[in-house]
N, C-alpha and C. Protein backbone atom coordinates (compact mmCIF):
# COMPACT_ATOMS: atom_id res chain seq x y z
N UNK A 1 20.32 -65.24 90.62
CA UNK A 1 21.13 -65.01 89.66
C UNK A 1 20.41 -63.35 89.52
N UNK A 2 20.70 -62.33 89.82
CA UNK A 2 20.04 -60.97 89.40
C UNK A 2 19.15 -60.40 88.48
N UNK A 3 18.45 -60.29 88.42
CA UNK A 3 17.49 -59.75 86.74
C UNK A 3 18.15 -58.53 86.69
N UNK A 4 17.89 -58.05 85.14
CA UNK A 4 18.81 -57.15 84.62
C UNK A 4 17.50 -55.94 84.61
N UNK A 5 18.01 -54.73 85.44
CA UNK A 5 16.50 -53.74 85.37
C UNK A 5 16.04 -53.11 83.89
N UNK A 6 17.44 -52.61 83.37
CA UNK A 6 17.41 -51.43 82.57
C UNK A 6 18.26 -52.22 81.26
N UNK A 7 18.09 -52.35 79.98
CA UNK A 7 18.61 -52.66 79.37
C UNK A 7 18.75 -51.65 77.87
N UNK A 8 19.86 -51.40 78.06
CA UNK A 8 19.91 -49.81 77.11
C UNK A 8 20.13 -50.10 76.18
N UNK A 9 20.58 -51.47 75.17
CA UNK A 9 20.04 -51.70 73.92
C UNK A 9 18.64 -51.71 73.52
N UNK A 10 17.99 -52.55 74.26
CA UNK A 10 16.23 -52.49 73.86
C UNK A 10 15.74 -51.35 74.24
N UNK A 11 16.13 -50.10 75.09
CA UNK A 11 15.43 -49.04 75.05
C UNK A 11 15.62 -47.98 73.92
N UNK A 12 17.53 -48.30 73.85
CA UNK A 12 17.69 -46.99 72.55
C UNK A 12 17.06 -47.79 70.65
N UNK A 13 17.08 -49.37 70.64
CA UNK A 13 16.07 -49.78 69.65
C UNK A 13 14.88 -49.10 69.65
N UNK A 14 13.88 -49.38 70.71
CA UNK A 14 12.70 -48.63 70.82
C UNK A 14 12.40 -47.43 70.67
N UNK A 15 13.48 -46.13 71.04
CA UNK A 15 13.72 -45.10 70.67
C UNK A 15 13.96 -44.95 69.07
N UNK A 16 15.14 -45.57 68.59
CA UNK A 16 15.34 -45.55 67.33
C UNK A 16 14.02 -46.27 66.40
N UNK A 17 13.09 -46.57 66.73
CA UNK A 17 12.05 -47.56 65.55
C UNK A 17 10.93 -46.45 66.27
N UNK A 18 10.59 -45.86 67.13
CA UNK A 18 10.10 -44.41 67.43
C UNK A 18 10.23 -43.04 66.64
N UNK A 19 11.65 -42.97 66.38
CA UNK A 19 11.80 -42.15 65.51
C UNK A 19 11.53 -42.58 63.87
N UNK A 20 12.10 -43.60 63.77
CA UNK A 20 11.78 -43.47 62.49
C UNK A 20 10.57 -43.92 61.68
N UNK A 21 9.47 -44.31 62.52
CA UNK A 21 8.14 -44.19 62.21
C UNK A 21 7.41 -42.74 62.40
N UNK A 22 8.12 -42.15 63.40
CA UNK A 22 7.79 -40.69 63.34
C UNK A 22 8.30 -39.80 62.59
N UNK A 23 9.06 -40.25 61.91
CA UNK A 23 10.28 -38.92 61.29
C UNK A 23 10.82 -37.85 62.24
N UNK A 24 10.91 -38.07 63.71
CA UNK A 24 11.46 -37.02 64.29
C UNK A 24 13.01 -36.82 64.57
N UNK A 25 13.05 -35.87 65.36
CA UNK A 25 14.54 -35.35 65.52
C UNK A 25 14.64 -35.39 67.15
N UNK A 26 14.40 -36.22 68.02
CA UNK A 26 14.47 -36.06 69.53
C UNK A 26 15.74 -36.56 69.85
N UNK A 27 16.69 -37.23 69.60
CA UNK A 27 17.69 -37.54 69.83
C UNK A 27 18.38 -36.49 70.30
N UNK A 28 18.91 -35.91 70.95
CA UNK A 28 19.77 -34.70 71.13
C UNK A 28 21.01 -34.94 72.30
N UNK A 29 22.11 -33.76 71.94
CA UNK A 29 23.25 -33.64 73.13
C UNK A 29 22.90 -32.21 73.32
N UNK A 30 24.08 -32.06 74.46
CA UNK A 30 24.31 -30.59 75.08
C UNK A 30 24.60 -29.76 73.46
N UNK A 31 24.48 -28.68 73.95
CA UNK A 31 24.77 -27.45 72.99
C UNK A 31 26.41 -27.11 73.12
N UNK A 32 26.45 -27.14 74.46
CA UNK A 32 27.97 -26.45 74.77
C UNK A 32 29.20 -27.30 74.33
N UNK A 33 29.03 -28.90 74.00
CA UNK A 33 30.22 -29.84 74.23
C UNK A 33 31.19 -29.41 73.05
N UNK A 34 32.28 -29.19 73.67
CA UNK A 34 33.82 -29.12 73.09
C UNK A 34 34.21 -29.73 72.03
N UNK A 35 34.62 -30.33 70.95
CA UNK A 35 35.48 -31.47 70.51
C UNK A 35 36.62 -31.19 70.71
N UNK A 36 37.35 -30.17 70.89
CA UNK A 36 38.69 -29.91 71.54
C UNK A 36 39.46 -29.54 69.98
N UNK A 37 38.98 -29.37 69.09
CA UNK A 37 39.14 -29.19 67.22
C UNK A 37 38.44 -27.97 66.82
N UNK A 38 38.88 -27.72 65.88
CA UNK A 38 38.48 -26.72 65.32
C UNK A 38 37.71 -27.36 63.56
N UNK A 39 36.64 -27.57 63.82
CA UNK A 39 35.94 -28.23 62.89
C UNK A 39 36.09 -27.64 61.42
N UNK A 40 36.52 -26.73 61.19
CA UNK A 40 36.44 -26.12 59.84
C UNK A 40 38.35 -26.70 59.59
N UNK A 41 39.15 -26.76 60.27
CA UNK A 41 40.41 -27.24 59.55
C UNK A 41 40.95 -28.27 58.91
N UNK A 42 40.28 -29.30 58.83
CA UNK A 42 40.78 -30.27 58.19
C UNK A 42 39.16 -31.19 57.81
N UNK A 43 39.48 -31.98 56.56
CA UNK A 43 38.27 -32.40 56.10
C UNK A 43 37.41 -33.27 56.79
N UNK A 44 36.35 -33.48 57.54
CA UNK A 44 35.71 -34.54 57.95
C UNK A 44 36.12 -35.80 57.44
N UNK A 45 36.10 -36.41 58.59
CA UNK A 45 36.15 -38.21 58.51
C UNK A 45 35.01 -38.50 59.28
N UNK A 46 34.82 -40.07 59.04
CA UNK A 46 34.01 -40.77 59.37
C UNK A 46 34.62 -42.30 59.13
N UNK A 47 35.05 -43.14 60.14
CA UNK A 47 35.10 -44.48 60.00
C UNK A 47 33.66 -44.92 60.70
N UNK A 48 33.07 -46.31 60.11
CA UNK A 48 32.55 -47.66 60.36
C UNK A 48 32.80 -48.94 60.68
N UNK A 49 32.18 -49.13 61.71
CA UNK A 49 32.86 -50.57 62.37
C UNK A 49 30.59 -51.02 63.16
N UNK A 50 31.55 -51.80 64.15
CA UNK A 50 30.42 -52.31 64.56
C UNK A 50 30.71 -52.21 66.94
N UNK A 51 29.53 -52.73 67.26
CA UNK A 51 29.93 -52.06 68.40
C UNK A 51 30.89 -53.90 69.34
N UNK A 52 30.96 -53.56 70.44
CA UNK A 52 31.51 -54.14 71.57
C UNK A 52 30.58 -55.35 71.97
N UNK A 53 30.70 -56.16 73.04
CA UNK A 53 29.82 -56.67 73.38
C UNK A 53 28.80 -56.51 74.54
N UNK A 54 29.31 -55.19 75.15
CA UNK A 54 29.15 -54.01 75.74
C UNK A 54 28.05 -53.19 75.50
N UNK A 55 28.58 -53.18 73.65
CA UNK A 55 27.39 -52.01 73.29
C UNK A 55 28.14 -50.74 73.02
N UNK A 56 28.88 -50.24 73.66
CA UNK A 56 29.20 -48.61 73.84
C UNK A 56 31.06 -48.56 73.45
N UNK A 57 31.41 -49.73 72.64
CA UNK A 57 32.83 -49.61 72.22
C UNK A 57 32.84 -49.98 70.75
N UNK A 58 34.06 -49.32 69.91
CA UNK A 58 34.14 -49.49 68.48
C UNK A 58 34.98 -50.40 67.96
N UNK A 59 33.84 -51.42 67.51
CA UNK A 59 34.93 -52.54 66.64
C UNK A 59 35.11 -52.07 65.41
N UNK A 60 36.58 -52.17 64.86
CA UNK A 60 36.99 -51.50 63.01
C UNK A 60 36.39 -52.58 62.42
N UNK A 61 35.77 -52.42 61.18
CA UNK A 61 35.06 -52.76 60.32
C UNK A 61 36.09 -53.61 59.11
N UNK A 62 37.35 -52.10 59.33
CA UNK A 62 37.79 -51.95 57.84
C UNK A 62 38.60 -53.94 57.48
N UNK A 63 38.82 -53.60 55.95
CA UNK A 63 39.73 -54.64 56.02
C UNK A 63 38.69 -56.22 54.93
N UNK A 64 37.40 -55.77 55.00
CA UNK A 64 36.47 -56.36 54.36
C UNK A 64 36.28 -57.58 54.34
N UNK A 65 36.26 -57.73 56.51
CA UNK A 65 36.20 -59.53 56.16
C UNK A 65 35.37 -59.56 57.75
N UNK A 66 34.70 -58.34 58.13
CA UNK A 66 34.06 -58.38 59.32
C UNK A 66 32.51 -59.28 59.10
N UNK A 67 32.40 -59.93 60.03
CA UNK A 67 30.88 -60.77 60.58
C UNK A 67 30.03 -60.58 61.38
N UNK A 68 29.75 -59.42 60.64
CA UNK A 68 28.30 -59.18 62.62
C UNK A 68 27.46 -60.05 62.55
N UNK A 69 27.12 -60.08 63.49
CA UNK A 69 25.07 -61.12 63.85
C UNK A 69 24.31 -60.08 63.77
N UNK A 70 23.44 -60.75 63.11
CA UNK A 70 22.59 -60.30 62.69
C UNK A 70 21.11 -60.39 63.97
N UNK A 71 20.63 -59.47 64.48
CA UNK A 71 19.79 -59.78 65.46
C UNK A 71 18.61 -60.24 65.70
N UNK A 72 17.88 -60.90 65.87
CA UNK A 72 16.21 -61.18 65.79
C UNK A 72 15.55 -59.79 66.05
N UNK A 73 14.22 -60.30 65.70
CA UNK A 73 13.60 -59.05 65.72
C UNK A 73 12.69 -58.48 66.91
N UNK A 74 12.84 -57.35 67.07
CA UNK A 74 12.45 -56.77 68.65
C UNK A 74 10.99 -55.91 67.99
N UNK A 75 11.11 -54.81 68.47
CA UNK A 75 9.69 -53.44 68.06
C UNK A 75 9.87 -53.26 66.80
N UNK A 76 10.77 -53.98 66.19
CA UNK A 76 10.92 -53.27 65.03
C UNK A 76 10.42 -53.96 63.81
N UNK A 77 9.08 -54.99 64.66
CA UNK A 77 8.19 -55.89 63.87
C UNK A 77 9.48 -57.12 62.57
N UNK A 78 9.40 -57.36 61.59
CA UNK A 78 10.03 -58.25 60.71
C UNK A 78 11.09 -57.36 60.61
N UNK A 79 11.58 -56.77 61.01
CA UNK A 79 13.35 -56.60 60.81
C UNK A 79 14.44 -56.82 61.64
N UNK A 80 16.05 -57.53 61.04
CA UNK A 80 17.07 -57.54 61.76
C UNK A 80 17.70 -55.94 61.93
N UNK A 81 18.47 -56.50 63.03
CA UNK A 81 19.44 -55.00 62.49
C UNK A 81 20.89 -55.59 63.06
N UNK A 82 21.77 -54.70 62.86
CA UNK A 82 23.72 -54.89 63.09
C UNK A 82 23.50 -53.90 63.84
N UNK A 83 24.31 -53.87 65.17
CA UNK A 83 24.79 -52.77 65.99
C UNK A 83 26.00 -52.05 65.30
N UNK A 84 25.80 -50.82 65.08
CA UNK A 84 26.74 -50.18 64.27
C UNK A 84 27.38 -49.41 65.40
N UNK A 85 29.11 -49.18 65.08
CA UNK A 85 29.57 -48.21 65.83
C UNK A 85 30.19 -46.99 64.73
N UNK A 86 30.29 -46.32 65.00
CA UNK A 86 31.01 -44.59 64.41
C UNK A 86 31.80 -43.93 64.94
N UNK A 87 32.91 -43.55 64.21
CA UNK A 87 33.59 -42.20 64.45
C UNK A 87 33.83 -41.44 63.48
N UNK A 88 34.17 -40.19 64.07
CA UNK A 88 34.31 -38.97 63.30
C UNK A 88 35.47 -37.89 63.97
N UNK A 89 35.49 -37.13 63.25
CA UNK A 89 36.19 -35.66 63.04
C UNK A 89 36.21 -34.96 62.91
N UNK A 90 36.92 -33.75 62.72
CA UNK A 90 36.81 -32.61 61.92
C UNK A 90 35.24 -32.43 61.45
N UNK A 91 34.24 -32.27 62.71
CA UNK A 91 33.04 -32.02 62.39
C UNK A 91 32.50 -31.80 63.61
N UNK A 92 31.02 -31.04 63.35
CA UNK A 92 30.75 -30.43 64.74
C UNK A 92 29.82 -31.73 65.42
N UNK A 93 29.49 -31.77 66.65
CA UNK A 93 29.23 -33.17 67.27
C UNK A 93 27.89 -33.01 67.53
N UNK A 94 27.22 -32.26 67.99
CA UNK A 94 25.52 -32.27 68.13
C UNK A 94 24.82 -31.91 66.63
N UNK A 95 23.99 -32.47 66.86
CA UNK A 95 22.82 -33.04 65.73
C UNK A 95 23.59 -33.23 64.71
N UNK A 96 24.36 -34.41 64.36
CA UNK A 96 24.71 -34.96 63.26
C UNK A 96 23.69 -35.89 63.00
N UNK A 97 23.60 -35.70 61.31
CA UNK A 97 22.54 -36.62 60.77
C UNK A 97 23.18 -37.95 60.33
N UNK A 98 22.50 -38.83 60.81
CA UNK A 98 23.49 -40.23 60.33
C UNK A 98 22.16 -40.90 59.86
N UNK A 99 22.86 -41.38 58.96
CA UNK A 99 21.95 -42.40 57.53
C UNK A 99 23.24 -43.83 57.05
N UNK A 100 22.64 -44.62 57.52
CA UNK A 100 22.87 -45.72 57.44
C UNK A 100 22.13 -46.73 56.00
N UNK A 101 22.81 -47.52 55.07
CA UNK A 101 22.15 -48.06 54.16
C UNK A 101 23.15 -48.97 53.65
N UNK A 102 22.53 -50.46 53.30
CA UNK A 102 23.07 -51.42 52.88
C UNK A 102 22.98 -51.66 51.63
N UNK A 103 23.84 -52.55 50.54
CA UNK A 103 23.43 -52.79 49.34
C UNK A 103 24.32 -54.39 48.95
N UNK A 104 24.09 -54.71 47.74
CA UNK A 104 24.62 -56.23 47.89
C UNK A 104 26.00 -55.70 46.95
N UNK A 105 26.60 -56.68 47.63
CA UNK A 105 28.18 -55.96 47.29
C UNK A 105 28.77 -56.65 45.54
N UNK A 106 28.09 -57.54 45.37
CA UNK A 106 28.27 -57.81 43.99
C UNK A 106 27.52 -56.98 42.98
N UNK A 107 25.88 -56.85 42.87
CA UNK A 107 24.93 -56.53 42.42
C UNK A 107 25.03 -54.64 42.32
N UNK A 108 25.14 -54.27 43.35
CA UNK A 108 25.20 -52.95 44.33
C UNK A 108 23.64 -52.06 44.41
N UNK A 109 22.58 -53.47 44.40
CA UNK A 109 21.58 -53.45 44.48
C UNK A 109 21.15 -53.10 46.02
N UNK A 110 20.61 -51.86 46.50
CA UNK A 110 19.93 -51.47 47.32
C UNK A 110 18.78 -52.58 48.33
N UNK A 111 19.57 -52.77 49.50
CA UNK A 111 19.24 -54.09 50.40
C UNK A 111 17.67 -52.96 51.60
N UNK A 112 16.78 -53.87 51.32
CA UNK A 112 15.48 -53.07 52.04
C UNK A 112 16.12 -53.51 53.44
N UNK A 113 15.33 -52.25 54.08
CA UNK A 113 13.79 -51.61 53.77
C UNK A 113 14.03 -49.97 53.92
N UNK A 114 15.63 -49.92 53.19
CA UNK A 114 16.68 -48.84 52.23
C UNK A 114 17.20 -48.61 53.47
N UNK A 115 17.12 -47.15 53.76
CA UNK A 115 18.23 -46.49 54.82
C UNK A 115 17.43 -46.34 55.89
N UNK A 116 18.63 -45.93 57.01
CA UNK A 116 18.25 -45.93 58.57
C UNK A 116 18.92 -44.39 58.33
N UNK A 117 17.84 -43.83 59.04
CA UNK A 117 18.16 -42.32 59.20
C UNK A 117 17.81 -41.69 61.24
N UNK A 118 18.75 -40.94 61.73
CA UNK A 118 18.73 -40.27 62.88
C UNK A 118 19.23 -39.09 63.19
N UNK A 119 18.83 -38.37 64.07
CA UNK A 119 19.90 -37.34 64.24
C UNK A 119 20.31 -37.48 65.49
N UNK A 120 21.32 -36.98 66.42
CA UNK A 120 22.20 -37.28 67.48
C UNK A 120 22.82 -36.23 67.48
N UNK A 121 23.88 -37.32 68.72
CA UNK A 121 25.28 -36.76 68.92
C UNK A 121 26.42 -37.02 68.78
N UNK A 122 27.51 -36.66 69.02
CA UNK A 122 28.60 -37.58 69.72
C UNK A 122 29.25 -37.17 70.92
N UNK A 123 29.16 -38.19 72.31
CA UNK A 123 30.23 -36.96 73.42
C UNK A 123 30.94 -38.02 73.91
N UNK A 124 31.24 -39.63 73.01
CA UNK A 124 32.79 -40.41 73.80
C UNK A 124 33.51 -40.31 73.04
N UNK A 125 34.99 -39.91 73.43
CA UNK A 125 36.18 -39.55 73.13
C UNK A 125 36.56 -40.87 72.81
N UNK A 126 37.30 -41.12 71.82
CA UNK A 126 38.22 -41.78 71.42
C UNK A 126 39.41 -41.92 71.00
N UNK A 127 40.19 -40.92 71.66
CA UNK A 127 41.09 -40.73 71.22
C UNK A 127 40.98 -39.39 70.57
N UNK A 128 41.94 -38.93 69.34
CA UNK A 128 41.29 -37.94 68.45
C UNK A 128 40.15 -38.29 67.90
N UNK A 129 39.13 -39.24 67.90
CA UNK A 129 38.07 -39.22 67.56
C UNK A 129 36.93 -39.42 68.35
N UNK A 130 35.17 -38.57 68.40
CA UNK A 130 34.44 -39.06 68.94
C UNK A 130 33.82 -40.18 68.55
N UNK A 131 33.36 -40.83 69.20
CA UNK A 131 32.43 -42.12 69.13
C UNK A 131 30.69 -41.98 69.40
N UNK A 132 30.19 -42.95 68.35
CA UNK A 132 28.89 -43.13 68.76
C UNK A 132 28.76 -44.80 68.81
N UNK A 133 28.32 -45.52 69.49
CA UNK A 133 27.82 -46.61 69.84
C UNK A 133 26.37 -47.27 69.87
N UNK A 134 26.19 -48.30 69.26
CA UNK A 134 24.91 -48.64 69.28
C UNK A 134 23.56 -48.20 68.20
N UNK A 135 23.84 -47.71 67.67
CA UNK A 135 23.48 -47.26 66.16
C UNK A 135 22.56 -48.27 65.42
N UNK A 136 21.35 -49.01 65.14
CA UNK A 136 21.29 -50.29 64.90
C UNK A 136 21.07 -50.04 63.15
N UNK A 137 21.31 -50.64 62.00
CA UNK A 137 21.19 -50.99 60.83
C UNK A 137 20.71 -52.14 61.02
N UNK A 138 19.01 -51.95 59.81
CA UNK A 138 18.15 -52.35 59.84
C UNK A 138 18.40 -53.05 58.15
N UNK A 139 18.39 -54.64 58.76
CA UNK A 139 17.82 -55.31 57.07
C UNK A 139 16.96 -56.24 57.39
N UNK A 140 16.56 -56.28 56.00
CA UNK A 140 15.43 -57.66 55.89
C UNK A 140 15.89 -58.84 55.04
N UNK A 141 15.13 -59.75 55.39
CA UNK A 141 15.11 -60.96 54.94
C UNK A 141 16.30 -61.86 55.33
N UNK A 142 16.53 -62.22 56.71
CA UNK A 142 18.41 -62.48 57.49
C UNK A 142 18.59 -63.68 56.15
N UNK A 143 17.58 -64.04 55.77
CA UNK A 143 18.17 -65.87 55.31
C UNK A 143 18.72 -65.68 54.17
N UNK A 144 18.27 -64.14 53.25
CA UNK A 144 18.75 -64.36 51.60
C UNK A 144 20.21 -63.50 51.70
N UNK A 145 20.63 -62.94 52.83
CA UNK A 145 21.24 -61.82 52.52
C UNK A 145 22.83 -62.91 53.14
N UNK A 146 22.31 -63.81 54.60
CA UNK A 146 23.77 -64.15 55.47
C UNK A 146 24.82 -64.98 54.86
N UNK A 147 25.80 -64.66 55.21
CA UNK A 147 26.92 -65.10 54.61
C UNK A 147 27.37 -64.60 53.04
N UNK A 148 26.25 -63.70 52.60
CA UNK A 148 26.95 -62.39 51.21
C UNK A 148 27.74 -62.02 51.79
N UNK A 149 28.38 -61.48 50.73
CA UNK A 149 28.49 -59.87 51.15
C UNK A 149 28.17 -58.61 50.86
N UNK A 150 28.09 -57.85 51.45
CA UNK A 150 27.22 -56.59 51.51
C UNK A 150 27.94 -55.18 51.78
N UNK A 151 27.46 -54.15 50.92
CA UNK A 151 28.93 -52.93 51.27
C UNK A 151 27.30 -52.17 52.08
N UNK A 152 28.55 -51.46 53.54
CA UNK A 152 27.49 -50.78 54.61
C UNK A 152 28.13 -48.72 54.31
N UNK A 153 27.14 -48.49 53.81
CA UNK A 153 27.50 -46.98 53.60
C UNK A 153 27.27 -46.23 55.21
N UNK A 154 28.01 -45.48 55.58
CA UNK A 154 27.35 -44.23 56.54
C UNK A 154 27.66 -43.08 56.05
N UNK A 155 26.96 -42.02 56.07
CA UNK A 155 26.68 -40.94 55.27
C UNK A 155 26.24 -39.71 56.62
N UNK A 156 27.50 -38.76 57.23
CA UNK A 156 27.50 -38.21 58.20
C UNK A 156 26.62 -36.94 57.62
N UNK A 157 26.32 -35.62 58.18
CA UNK A 157 26.73 -34.47 58.34
C UNK A 157 25.85 -33.65 59.38
N UNK A 158 26.53 -32.73 59.44
CA UNK A 158 26.09 -31.64 60.47
C UNK A 158 25.63 -30.50 60.18
N UNK A 159 25.34 -29.93 61.21
CA UNK A 159 24.54 -28.75 60.96
C UNK A 159 24.78 -27.90 60.07
N UNK A 160 26.71 -27.70 60.38
CA UNK A 160 26.81 -26.90 59.05
C UNK A 160 27.39 -26.70 57.46
N UNK A 161 26.62 -28.39 57.45
CA UNK A 161 26.64 -29.19 56.02
C UNK A 161 27.53 -30.06 55.75
N UNK A 162 28.64 -29.84 56.74
CA UNK A 162 29.84 -30.50 56.37
C UNK A 162 29.31 -32.32 56.14
N UNK A 163 29.89 -32.98 54.91
CA UNK A 163 29.36 -34.23 54.90
C UNK A 163 30.85 -35.06 54.72
N UNK A 164 30.78 -36.08 55.65
CA UNK A 164 31.80 -37.45 55.81
C UNK A 164 31.19 -38.91 55.19
N UNK A 165 31.35 -39.20 54.80
CA UNK A 165 30.68 -40.32 53.80
C UNK A 165 31.85 -42.04 53.63
N UNK A 166 31.47 -43.17 54.55
CA UNK A 166 32.48 -44.20 54.27
C UNK A 166 31.57 -45.57 54.03
N UNK A 167 32.40 -46.40 53.61
CA UNK A 167 31.17 -47.96 53.50
C UNK A 167 32.52 -48.80 53.96
N UNK A 168 32.04 -50.12 54.20
CA UNK A 168 32.94 -51.03 54.46
C UNK A 168 32.05 -52.16 54.32
N UNK A 169 32.54 -53.35 54.03
CA UNK A 169 32.15 -54.64 53.40
C UNK A 169 31.94 -55.50 54.52
N UNK A 170 30.84 -55.86 54.69
CA UNK A 170 30.56 -56.73 55.64
C UNK A 170 30.04 -58.19 55.41
N UNK A 171 30.29 -59.21 55.93
CA UNK A 171 29.59 -60.60 55.87
C UNK A 171 28.69 -61.23 56.96
N UNK A 172 27.66 -60.44 57.04
CA UNK A 172 26.73 -60.90 58.01
C UNK A 172 26.34 -61.92 58.39
N UNK A 173 26.21 -62.79 59.85
CA UNK A 173 25.46 -63.82 60.12
C UNK A 173 24.05 -63.63 60.71
N UNK A 174 23.49 -65.16 60.56
CA UNK A 174 22.21 -65.29 61.16
C UNK A 174 22.16 -66.54 61.91
N UNK A 175 21.76 -66.63 62.59
CA UNK A 175 21.79 -68.13 63.31
C UNK A 175 20.04 -68.61 63.50
N UNK A 176 19.56 -67.47 62.98
CA UNK A 176 17.75 -67.73 63.10
C UNK A 176 17.57 -69.33 62.14
N UNK A 177 16.12 -69.33 62.21
CA UNK A 177 16.16 -70.68 61.05
C UNK A 177 15.03 -70.29 59.87
N UNK A 178 15.63 -70.66 58.71
CA UNK A 178 15.56 -70.32 57.38
C UNK A 178 14.88 -71.22 56.83
N UNK A 179 13.77 -71.05 56.06
CA UNK A 179 13.25 -72.24 55.61
C UNK A 179 14.09 -73.03 54.39
C-alpha cells in the first residue's frame, strides 16, 4: 500500500485555521483571470453545496435534505467542520470574501463558533459557473446538532462590492461518540 504524501484537505484546513487565527488575507488568485462574462451585466448569483469524495467537485444541497458529514477535530482543536462547495457567477473572481454561518433552522439562533470568513478566488469552471470546493464550515458541539435541521448561509462579496447570499437547509451527520 502506497502512503499518501500530500493531503490537500489537511493542508487547506491548516491554512484556513491559520487565516482565522491571524485574520489575514493570504489566499489570493491571479489578477488576470478572465471569467468570460461581464460581471456588471447580470445580478450576482451564488449556490452553496458540499464537495464530492475527492474534495474538488460540487454537490448540490438544494432541496433541504442534504446530510453532510461532520468531520473529526483537526488542527482547529475542538471544532468540527463540513466541507463546502460554492458556485458563483456574475461577480469578479479574484479576492472574493466568503462568509459562512450556521443557524438552528427552528429557532434561528446562530450556532457557535459563529461565522467562518476567508478571502480567496475562483478558478475552476463548472459550465457557466465558477466553483470553489473545499472550504471548511466550522461547527461546535456535534452531539447537540447531529440530526437537527440547520440553515447554512453563504455570503460572497467581490472587490467591487457586489454581494450574493444564499441559504440551504442541511441535516449534519456525526459518527463520533456522544456522552
